C-alpha atoms as a PDB file:
ATOM      1  CA  UNK A   1       9.299  12.664   0.125  1.00  0.00           C
ATOM      2  CA  UNK A   2       8.887  16.385   0.598  1.00  0.00           C
ATOM      3  CA  UNK A   3      10.606  19.059   2.620  1.00  0.00           C
ATOM      4  CA  UNK A   4       8.705  18.291   5.790  1.00  0.00           C
ATOM      5  CA  UNK A   5      10.255  17.184   9.056  1.00  0.00           C
ATOM      6  CA  UNK A   6       9.011  14.270  11.096  1.00  0.00           C
ATOM      7  CA  UNK A   7       6.220  15.056  13.524  1.00  0.00           C
ATOM      8  CA  UNK A   8       7.705  12.877  16.239  1.00  0.00           C
ATOM      9  CA  UNK A   9      10.969  14.804  16.246  1.00  0.00           C
ATOM     10  CA  UNK A  10      13.377  16.880  14.192  1.00  0.00           C
ATOM     11  CA  UNK A  11      14.977  14.057  12.243  1.00  0.00           C
ATOM     12  CA  UNK A  12      16.404  14.402   8.776  1.00  0.00           C
ATOM     13  CA  UNK A  13      14.068  14.595   5.774  1.00  0.00           C
ATOM     14  CA  UNK A  14      15.673  11.446   4.384  1.00  0.00           C
ATOM     15  CA  UNK A  15      14.192   9.452   7.232  1.00  0.00           C
ATOM     16  CA  UNK A  16      10.862  11.212   6.940  1.00  0.00           C
ATOM     17  CA  UNK A  17       8.243   9.899   4.529  1.00  0.00           C
ATOM     18  CA  UNK A  18       5.694  11.836   2.432  1.00  0.00           C
ATOM     19  CA  UNK A  19       3.285  11.753   5.358  1.00  0.00           C
ATOM     20  CA  UNK A  20       5.908  13.139   7.698  1.00  0.00           C
ATOM     21  CA  UNK A  21       6.398   9.882   9.532  1.00  0.00           C
ATOM     22  CA  UNK A  22       9.771   8.418  10.396  1.00  0.00           C
ATOM     23  CA  UNK A  23      10.599   5.415   8.218  1.00  0.00           C
ATOM     24  CA  UNK A  24      14.009   4.629   9.682  1.00  0.00           C
ATOM     25  CA  UNK A  25      13.036   5.337  13.282  1.00  0.00           C
ATOM     26  CA  UNK A  26      14.866   7.541  15.724  1.00  0.00           C
END
């Protein structure tokens, strides 16, 4: 995981994966 936000929204970085996708969903 990096310091990038999800592309689908502005969710937390914890929920965002290395690709910037949301793993936990919104």
